[in-house]
């Protein structure tokens, strides 16, 4: 059998291998440089205004610190009531709420347990939108999400209660523009959220990847269907629900960073809420450690442990020391199996056995109720009333 070897005409075959070796070395150097990139810390303030009540009235002011460390980020937002702390490596995210500032009347508020959530995915869905605004403005994940999901990816609204609010998922990004910087590090310059009934079509599938929503408790998807009908009926499909704009920038480390930014929510074309962010400091900081280490007791809702078949959305446990346990931790696996068994036993049985039990229950209830009905209708007053009713119907 004859064999043939081909190469690019005019290019000696002996030069191909050094070229490949050079390309490999260049790639390795790029990966080394990428791993050696220092973490960047950003500090500033975010203020919010409620335009429905009073457009000029400051609603809330918070201090923030954001750390971007390659594929990891941390967001710390503190106001006079509490601190929200979110850290993520893009695969697993941890959110910790510290209410010590709010509990000044407690003898030792710093000893109060922290509330925590764990879930899969890089997104920030909290009870307060401050962390979501900072995630949008200062982390590179919106750029990465758009590259993976396309030009108009469906993405939940962090300013709504996205855990079980169907309208929080009926949204898409559009008119997205990015600031200057490497493709995997560039930040958002401007972006609009539009209402999108079709975004709900992929919600259940997306839920399986993020494990933070409760849609499997609604197997008939009644809330999702109702949200779709409402958007179409009210003519909201395709209209702008929120928008983000960078107002001032600076260049640091080859990346263009926002110095001032604004996020707004809208209703019927009118602004309802505004968040204004200002950066006061920007520089190098310490690398992030994930999972986070904590020194106080934690009450954890861990959404990495789910079972759609039995509608189990998370497991709850207390964490009193670090490091944070992984999903293969024997104690967590045992707790998950126990919760899954408990959820399975609590499920209504709709199969043949359940139908037979229901039929027997109906027969027994009828048998027990019949003597009571006979006694009731056998009374003279009831007979007279029954006769009068029949006469009235016959007329």
Protein backbone atom coordinates (compact mmCIF):
# COMPACT_ATOMS: atom_id res chain seq x y z
CA UNK A 1 0.00 0.00 0.00
CA UNK A 2 1.36 3.37 -0.97
CA UNK A 3 1.24 6.18 1.54
CA UNK A 4 1.33 9.87 0.76
CA UNK A 5 2.44 12.75 2.95
CA UNK A 6 1.31 16.25 2.19
CA UNK A 7 2.38 19.68 3.41
CA UNK A 8 1.89 23.27 2.44
CA UNK A 9 3.55 23.97 -0.91
CA UNK A 10 6.57 26.19 -0.69
CA UNK A 11 6.95 25.60 3.07
CA UNK A 12 9.61 23.07 4.14
CA UNK A 13 8.12 20.28 6.20
CA UNK A 14 10.92 20.61 8.72
CA UNK A 15 9.69 24.09 9.71
CA UNK A 16 6.18 22.92 10.60
CA UNK A 17 7.17 21.26 13.87
CA UNK A 18 9.14 24.24 15.24
CA UNK A 19 6.16 26.43 14.37
CA UNK A 20 3.82 24.13 16.29
CA UNK A 21 6.26 24.04 19.19
CA UNK A 22 6.41 27.84 19.19
CA UNK A 23 2.63 28.09 19.20
CA UNK A 24 2.46 25.66 22.11
CA UNK A 25 5.02 27.63 24.07
CA UNK A 26 3.13 30.85 23.37
CA UNK A 27 -0.09 29.28 24.63
CA UNK A 28 1.66 27.99 27.75
CA UNK A 29 3.15 31.43 28.43
CA UNK A 30 -0.27 33.01 27.99
CA UNK A 31 -1.78 30.58 30.49
CA UNK A 32 1.03 31.29 32.97
CA UNK A 33 0.57 35.04 32.59
CA UNK A 34 -3.20 34.59 32.93
CA UNK A 35 -2.73 32.66 36.18
CA UNK A 36 -0.30 35.30 37.44
CA UNK A 37 -2.71 38.20 36.92
CA UNK A 38 -3.13 40.03 40.23
CA UNK A 39 -6.48 40.46 41.92
CA UNK A 40 -8.06 43.90 41.55
CA UNK A 41 -10.02 45.56 44.35
CA UNK A 42 -12.66 48.23 43.74
CA UNK A 43 -14.20 50.34 46.51
CA UNK A 44 -17.02 52.87 46.37
CA UNK A 45 -20.63 53.65 47.22
CA UNK A 46 -24.04 52.87 45.74
CA UNK A 47 -27.13 54.97 46.45
CA UNK A 48 -30.71 54.18 45.47
CA UNK A 49 -33.77 56.36 44.76
CA UNK A 50 -37.43 55.35 44.65
CA UNK A 51 -39.03 57.56 42.00
CA UNK A 52 -42.55 56.35 42.71
CA UNK A 53 -42.57 57.86 46.18
CA UNK A 54 -40.27 60.87 45.79
CA UNK A 55 -37.75 61.22 42.93
CA UNK A 56 -35.46 63.43 45.01
CA UNK A 57 -35.56 61.28 48.16
CA UNK A 58 -32.48 59.18 48.84
CA UNK A 59 -33.72 55.69 49.70
CA UNK A 60 -30.56 53.91 50.81
CA UNK A 61 -26.77 54.32 50.75
CA UNK A 62 -24.29 51.43 50.83
CA UNK A 63 -20.53 51.04 50.82
CA UNK A 64 -19.05 48.32 48.64
CA UNK A 65 -15.85 46.46 47.95
CA UNK A 66 -15.54 44.21 44.89
CA UNK A 67 -12.58 41.92 44.23
CA UNK A 68 -12.05 40.41 40.76
CA UNK A 69 -9.48 37.61 40.80
CA UNK A 70 -9.33 35.89 37.40
CA UNK A 71 -12.44 33.63 37.34
CA UNK A 72 -13.34 34.52 40.90
CA UNK A 73 -15.11 37.49 42.37
CA UNK A 74 -16.25 38.75 45.75
CA UNK A 75 -18.85 41.43 46.44
CA UNK A 76 -19.23 43.01 49.87
CA UNK A 77 -22.05 45.54 50.38
CA UNK A 78 -22.63 47.17 53.76
CA UNK A 79 -25.25 49.67 54.88
CA UNK A 80 -26.59 50.70 58.26
CA UNK A 81 -28.62 47.50 58.61
CA UNK A 82 -26.61 44.59 57.30
CA UNK A 83 -23.78 43.27 55.15
CA UNK A 84 -24.24 41.17 52.01
CA UNK A 85 -21.20 39.14 51.04
CA UNK A 86 -21.10 37.08 47.83
CA UNK A 87 -18.11 35.07 46.58
CA UNK A 88 -18.01 32.85 43.52
CA UNK A 89 -15.64 30.95 41.28
CA UNK A 90 -18.25 30.88 38.51
CA UNK A 91 -19.28 27.31 39.26
CA UNK A 92 -20.31 27.56 42.92
CA UNK A 93 -21.50 30.77 44.58
CA UNK A 94 -21.77 31.56 48.29
CA UNK A 95 -23.86 34.36 49.77
CA UNK A 96 -23.61 35.36 53.44
CA UNK A 97 -25.88 37.87 55.19
CA UNK A 98 -24.62 39.48 58.38
CA UNK A 99 -27.35 41.19 60.42
CA UNK A 100 -25.01 42.24 63.25
CA UNK A 101 -25.40 45.93 62.35
CA UNK A 102 -29.16 45.59 62.51
CA UNK A 103 -29.10 43.81 65.88
CA UNK A 104 -27.64 46.63 67.97
CA UNK A 105 -30.10 45.90 70.78
CA UNK A 106 -28.61 42.41 71.22
CA UNK A 107 -25.89 42.26 73.92
CA UNK A 108 -23.37 40.76 71.49
CA UNK A 109 -24.61 41.17 67.90
CA UNK A 110 -21.34 39.93 66.43
CA UNK A 111 -22.09 36.53 67.97
CA UNK A 112 -25.38 36.18 66.08
CA UNK A 113 -25.38 33.40 63.46
CA UNK A 114 -24.83 34.33 59.84
CA UNK A 115 -27.34 33.34 57.16
CA UNK A 116 -25.87 31.74 54.06
CA UNK A 117 -26.87 30.30 50.69
CA UNK A 118 -24.89 28.10 48.31
CA UNK A 119 -25.83 27.42 44.70
CA UNK A 120 -24.46 26.52 41.28
CA UNK A 121 -23.85 29.34 38.83
CA UNK A 122 -22.16 32.77 38.80
CA UNK A 123 -25.27 34.94 39.05
CA UNK A 124 -26.30 37.06 42.03
CA UNK A 125 -29.94 36.67 43.07
CA UNK A 126 -30.43 38.22 46.47
CA UNK A 127 -33.18 39.87 48.47
CA UNK A 128 -31.52 43.24 47.83
CA UNK A 129 -30.41 44.41 44.38
CA UNK A 130 -27.21 46.18 45.44
CA UNK A 131 -25.06 43.08 44.92
CA UNK A 132 -26.71 42.47 41.54
CA UNK A 133 -25.91 45.99 40.32
CA UNK A 134 -22.27 45.57 41.33
CA UNK A 135 -22.11 42.11 39.73
CA UNK A 136 -23.34 43.64 36.49
CA UNK A 137 -20.98 46.63 36.63
CA UNK A 138 -17.71 45.21 37.93
CA UNK A 139 -17.44 41.48 37.15
CA UNK A 140 -16.66 40.00 33.71
CA UNK A 141 -19.40 37.38 33.85
CA UNK A 142 -21.98 39.26 31.74
CA UNK A 143 -19.47 39.23 28.87
CA UNK A 144 -18.82 35.51 29.29
CA UNK A 145 -22.50 34.71 29.58
CA UNK A 146 -23.27 36.55 26.34
CA UNK A 147 -20.51 34.68 24.50
CA UNK A 148 -21.91 31.36 25.70
CA UNK A 149 -25.64 32.05 25.33
CA UNK A 150 -25.74 34.32 22.27
CA UNK A 151 -26.50 37.98 21.64
CA UNK A 152 -29.71 38.09 23.72
CA UNK A 153 -29.46 35.55 26.52
CA UNK A 154 -32.36 35.08 28.94
CA UNK A 155 -31.19 36.15 32.36
CA UNK A 156 -33.11 36.62 35.63
CA UNK A 157 -33.77 39.99 37.24
CA UNK A 158 -31.71 40.46 40.39
CA UNK A 159 -33.98 43.34 41.50
CA UNK A 160 -36.96 40.98 41.87
CA UNK A 161 -37.49 38.00 44.15
CA UNK A 162 -36.11 35.61 41.56
CA UNK A 163 -36.38 32.51 43.71
CA UNK A 164 -40.07 32.06 42.91
CA UNK A 165 -41.20 35.16 40.99
CA UNK A 166 -41.96 34.05 37.44
CA UNK A 167 -41.72 37.55 35.97
CA UNK A 168 -38.11 37.77 37.18
CA UNK A 169 -37.24 35.19 34.52
CA UNK A 170 -39.25 36.60 31.62
CA UNK A 171 -36.40 38.88 30.54
CA UNK A 172 -33.60 39.04 27.99
CA UNK A 173 -30.53 41.19 27.51
CA UNK A 174 -30.38 43.40 24.45
CA UNK A 175 -28.39 46.40 23.13
CA UNK A 176 -25.33 45.09 24.95
CA UNK A 177 -22.04 47.00 24.59
CA UNK A 178 -18.77 46.39 26.42
CA UNK A 179 -15.86 48.52 27.55
CA UNK A 180 -12.33 47.98 26.21
CA UNK A 181 -10.30 45.04 27.48
CA UNK A 182 -9.46 41.38 26.85
CA UNK A 183 -12.46 39.32 25.73
CA UNK A 184 -12.71 37.35 28.99
CA UNK A 185 -12.23 40.39 31.26
CA UNK A 186 -14.13 43.23 29.62
CA UNK A 187 -16.96 44.90 31.52
CA UNK A 188 -20.41 46.08 30.47
CA UNK A 189 -20.76 49.58 29.05
CA UNK A 190 -24.50 49.55 28.43
CA UNK A 191 -27.29 46.98 28.50
CA UNK A 192 -31.08 46.81 28.40
CA UNK A 193 -33.36 44.19 29.92
CA UNK A 194 -36.51 43.63 27.86
CA UNK A 195 -39.61 41.67 28.77
CA UNK A 196 -39.61 38.40 26.86
CA UNK A 197 -42.34 35.79 27.03
CA UNK A 198 -40.14 33.36 25.09
CA UNK A 199 -37.46 33.54 27.79
CA UNK A 200 -39.78 31.48 29.99
CA UNK A 201 -39.58 28.57 27.54
CA UNK A 202 -36.09 27.65 28.74
CA UNK A 203 -36.60 28.45 32.42
CA UNK A 204 -37.00 24.87 33.66
CA UNK A 205 -33.88 23.73 31.78
CA UNK A 206 -31.89 26.69 33.09
CA UNK A 207 -33.09 25.97 36.60
CA UNK A 208 -31.43 22.57 36.52
CA UNK A 209 -28.07 24.24 35.93
CA UNK A 210 -28.34 26.96 38.56
CA UNK A 211 -30.25 25.07 41.31
CA UNK A 212 -31.43 28.27 42.96
CA UNK A 213 -35.05 28.54 41.82
CA UNK A 214 -38.10 26.72 43.06
CA UNK A 215 -39.86 25.95 39.80
CA UNK A 216 -39.96 22.21 40.37
CA UNK A 217 -42.53 22.78 43.13
CA UNK A 218 -44.94 23.79 40.35
CA UNK A 219 -44.91 20.72 38.04
CA UNK A 220 -47.75 22.09 35.90
CA UNK A 221 -45.82 25.36 35.40
CA UNK A 222 -48.95 27.34 36.17
CA UNK A 223 -47.02 30.44 37.29
CA UNK A 224 -44.85 30.38 34.18
CA UNK A 225 -47.85 30.05 31.87
CA UNK A 226 -49.69 32.84 33.66
CA UNK A 227 -46.68 35.17 33.38
CA UNK A 228 -46.44 34.49 29.64
CA UNK A 229 -50.14 35.21 29.13
CA UNK A 230 -49.91 38.43 31.16
CA UNK A 231 -46.93 39.77 29.19
CA UNK A 232 -48.67 39.16 25.87
CA UNK A 233 -52.08 40.40 27.07
CA UNK A 234 -50.68 43.65 28.49
CA UNK A 235 -48.44 44.33 25.50
CA UNK A 236 -45.25 44.19 27.57
CA UNK A 237 -43.43 41.62 25.45
CA UNK A 238 -40.38 43.36 23.95
CA UNK A 239 -40.58 46.53 26.05
CA UNK A 240 -37.71 47.75 28.24
CA UNK A 241 -37.86 46.67 31.90
CA UNK A 242 -34.45 47.95 33.05
CA UNK A 243 -31.30 49.57 31.68
CA UNK A 244 -27.67 50.02 32.70
CA UNK A 245 -25.24 52.75 31.61
CA UNK A 246 -21.61 53.58 32.42
CA UNK A 247 -21.20 57.34 32.85
CA UNK A 248 -17.43 57.66 33.41
CA UNK A 249 -14.46 55.28 33.02
CA UNK A 250 -10.76 54.83 33.67
CA UNK A 251 -8.13 52.37 32.39
CA UNK A 252 -6.36 50.12 34.85
CA UNK A 253 -4.29 47.03 34.09
CA UNK A 254 -5.37 46.95 30.45
CA UNK A 255 -9.08 46.95 31.38
CA UNK A 256 -11.47 49.87 31.16
CA UNK A 257 -13.27 50.20 34.51
CA UNK A 258 -16.40 52.23 35.29
CA UNK A 259 -15.91 55.10 37.71
CA UNK A 260 -19.60 56.04 37.69
CA UNK A 261 -22.57 53.93 36.60
CA UNK A 262 -26.36 53.96 36.74
CA UNK A 263 -28.96 51.17 36.79
CA UNK A 264 -32.68 51.90 36.39
CA UNK A 265 -35.91 49.91 36.42
CA UNK A 266 -38.89 51.08 34.37
CA UNK A 267 -42.65 50.67 34.25
CA UNK A 268 -44.67 51.89 31.24
CA UNK A 269 -41.60 53.77 30.03
CA UNK A 270 -41.11 55.66 33.31
CA UNK A 271 -38.20 55.17 35.69
CA UNK A 272 -39.31 53.63 38.98
CA UNK A 273 -36.00 52.94 40.76
CA UNK A 274 -32.43 54.18 40.25
CA UNK A 275 -29.11 52.92 41.62
CA UNK A 276 -26.07 55.20 41.18
CA UNK A 277 -22.60 53.80 41.78
CA UNK A 278 -19.33 55.66 42.23
CA UNK A 279 -15.85 54.15 42.47
CA UNK A 280 -13.55 55.82 45.01
CA UNK A 281 -10.53 53.46 44.95
CA UNK A 282 -9.09 50.98 42.46
CA UNK A 283 -5.95 48.90 42.92
CA UNK A 284 -4.27 45.57 43.59
CA UNK A 285 -5.48 43.42 46.46
CA UNK A 286 -5.06 39.97 48.01
CA UNK A 287 -6.15 36.88 46.02
CA UNK A 288 -9.51 35.36 46.89
CA UNK A 289 -9.93 32.14 48.83
CA UNK A 290 -12.98 30.09 47.82
CA UNK A 291 -14.86 28.53 49.56
CA UNK A 292 -14.81 31.41 52.02
CA UNK A 293 -13.51 30.94 55.55
CA UNK A 294 -15.82 32.13 58.31
CA UNK A 295 -15.27 32.55 62.03
CA UNK A 296 -18.92 32.63 63.15
CA UNK A 297 -21.69 30.06 63.10
CA UNK A 298 -23.59 29.79 59.82
CA UNK A 299 -27.17 28.78 59.10
CA UNK A 300 -26.90 27.43 55.55
CA UNK A 301 -29.41 26.81 52.76
CA UNK A 302 -27.43 24.64 50.35
CA UNK A 303 -29.07 24.61 46.92
CA UNK A 304 -26.49 22.27 45.41
CA UNK A 305 -28.55 19.39 46.83
CA UNK A 306 -31.79 19.16 44.87
CA UNK A 307 -34.12 16.44 43.67
CA UNK A 308 -36.74 17.56 41.19
CA UNK A 309 -38.66 14.27 41.40
CA UNK A 310 -39.56 14.84 45.06
CA UNK A 311 -39.51 18.68 44.84
CA UNK A 312 -36.55 19.04 47.18
CA UNK A 313 -34.86 22.40 46.55
CA UNK A 314 -32.12 22.46 49.20
CA UNK A 315 -30.86 21.09 52.48
CA UNK A 316 -30.38 23.12 55.65
CA UNK A 317 -27.56 22.75 58.14
CA UNK A 318 -25.39 24.66 60.60
CA UNK A 319 -21.72 25.25 59.99
CA UNK A 320 -19.65 26.11 63.04
CA UNK A 321 -16.13 25.95 61.65
CA UNK A 322 -14.29 26.10 58.35
CA UNK A 323 -13.41 24.86 55.80
CA UNK A 324 -16.73 24.77 54.02
CA UNK A 325 -17.77 21.15 53.23
CA UNK A 326 -18.03 20.04 49.61
CA UNK A 327 -20.88 18.10 48.04
CA UNK A 328 -19.03 14.83 48.67
CA UNK A 329 -18.92 15.44 52.42
CA UNK A 330 -20.32 12.27 54.09
CA UNK A 331 -22.40 14.19 56.64
CA UNK A 332 -24.02 16.35 53.94
CA UNK A 333 -24.69 13.32 51.74
CA UNK A 334 -26.35 11.57 54.66
CA UNK A 335 -28.44 14.64 55.42
CA UNK A 336 -29.44 14.90 51.75
CA UNK A 337 -30.58 11.28 51.64
CA UNK A 338 -32.59 11.76 54.82
CA UNK A 339 -34.26 14.91 53.45
CA UNK A 340 -34.98 13.18 50.15
CA UNK A 341 -36.62 10.25 51.97
CA UNK A 342 -38.68 12.66 54.08
CA UNK A 343 -39.77 14.59 50.97
CA UNK A 344 -40.66 11.34 49.19
CA UNK A 345 -42.85 10.18 52.07
CA UNK A 346 -44.60 13.55 52.11
CA UNK A 347 -45.49 13.35 48.40
CA UNK A 348 -49.14 12.65 47.51
CA UNK A 349 -49.50 9.25 45.93
CA UNK A 350 -51.32 9.57 42.63
CA UNK A 351 -50.81 6.05 41.30
CA UNK A 352 -53.24 3.06 41.42
CA UNK A 353 -52.61 2.58 45.13
CA UNK A 354 -53.39 6.20 45.83
CA UNK A 355 -56.56 6.11 43.76
CA UNK A 356 -57.72 2.94 45.56
CA UNK A 357 -57.09 4.56 48.94
CA UNK A 358 -59.02 7.63 47.82
CA UNK A 359 -61.97 5.50 46.64
CA UNK A 360 -62.06 3.59 49.93
CA UNK A 361 -61.99 6.88 51.84
CA UNK A 362 -64.93 8.19 49.80
CA UNK A 363 -66.96 4.99 50.42
CA UNK A 364 -66.27 5.09 54.17
CA UNK A 365 -67.15 8.79 54.36
CA UNK A 366 -70.41 8.16 52.50
CA UNK A 367 -71.27 5.21 54.76
CA UNK A 368 -70.63 7.25 57.87
CA UNK A 369 -72.54 10.27 56.58
CA UNK A 370 -75.67 8.41 55.39
CA UNK A 371 -77.22 7.79 58.86
CA UNK A 372 -76.68 11.44 59.75
CA UNK A 373 -78.47 12.55 56.56
CA UNK A 374 -81.33 10.13 57.25
CA UNK A 375 -81.78 11.48 60.76
CA UNK A 376 -81.58 15.08 59.55
CA UNK A 377 -84.04 14.74 56.69
CA UNK A 378 -86.32 12.54 58.77
CA UNK A 379 -87.17 15.42 61.11
CA UNK A 380 -90.70 16.91 60.62
CA UNK A 381 -89.38 20.42 60.00
CA UNK A 382 -86.99 19.28 57.34
CA UNK A 383 -89.68 17.26 55.60
CA UNK A 384 -91.91 20.30 55.42
CA UNK A 385 -89.14 22.47 54.11
CA UNK A 386 -88.20 19.84 51.55
CA UNK A 387 -91.84 19.63 50.40
CA UNK A 388 -92.10 23.41 50.06
CA UNK A 389 -88.87 23.51 48.05
CA UNK A 390 -90.18 20.86 45.68
CA UNK A 391 -93.41 22.78 45.23
CA UNK A 392 -91.46 25.95 44.49
CA UNK A 393 -89.39 24.16 41.85
CA UNK A 394 -92.50 22.64 40.23
CA UNK A 395 -94.10 26.07 39.89
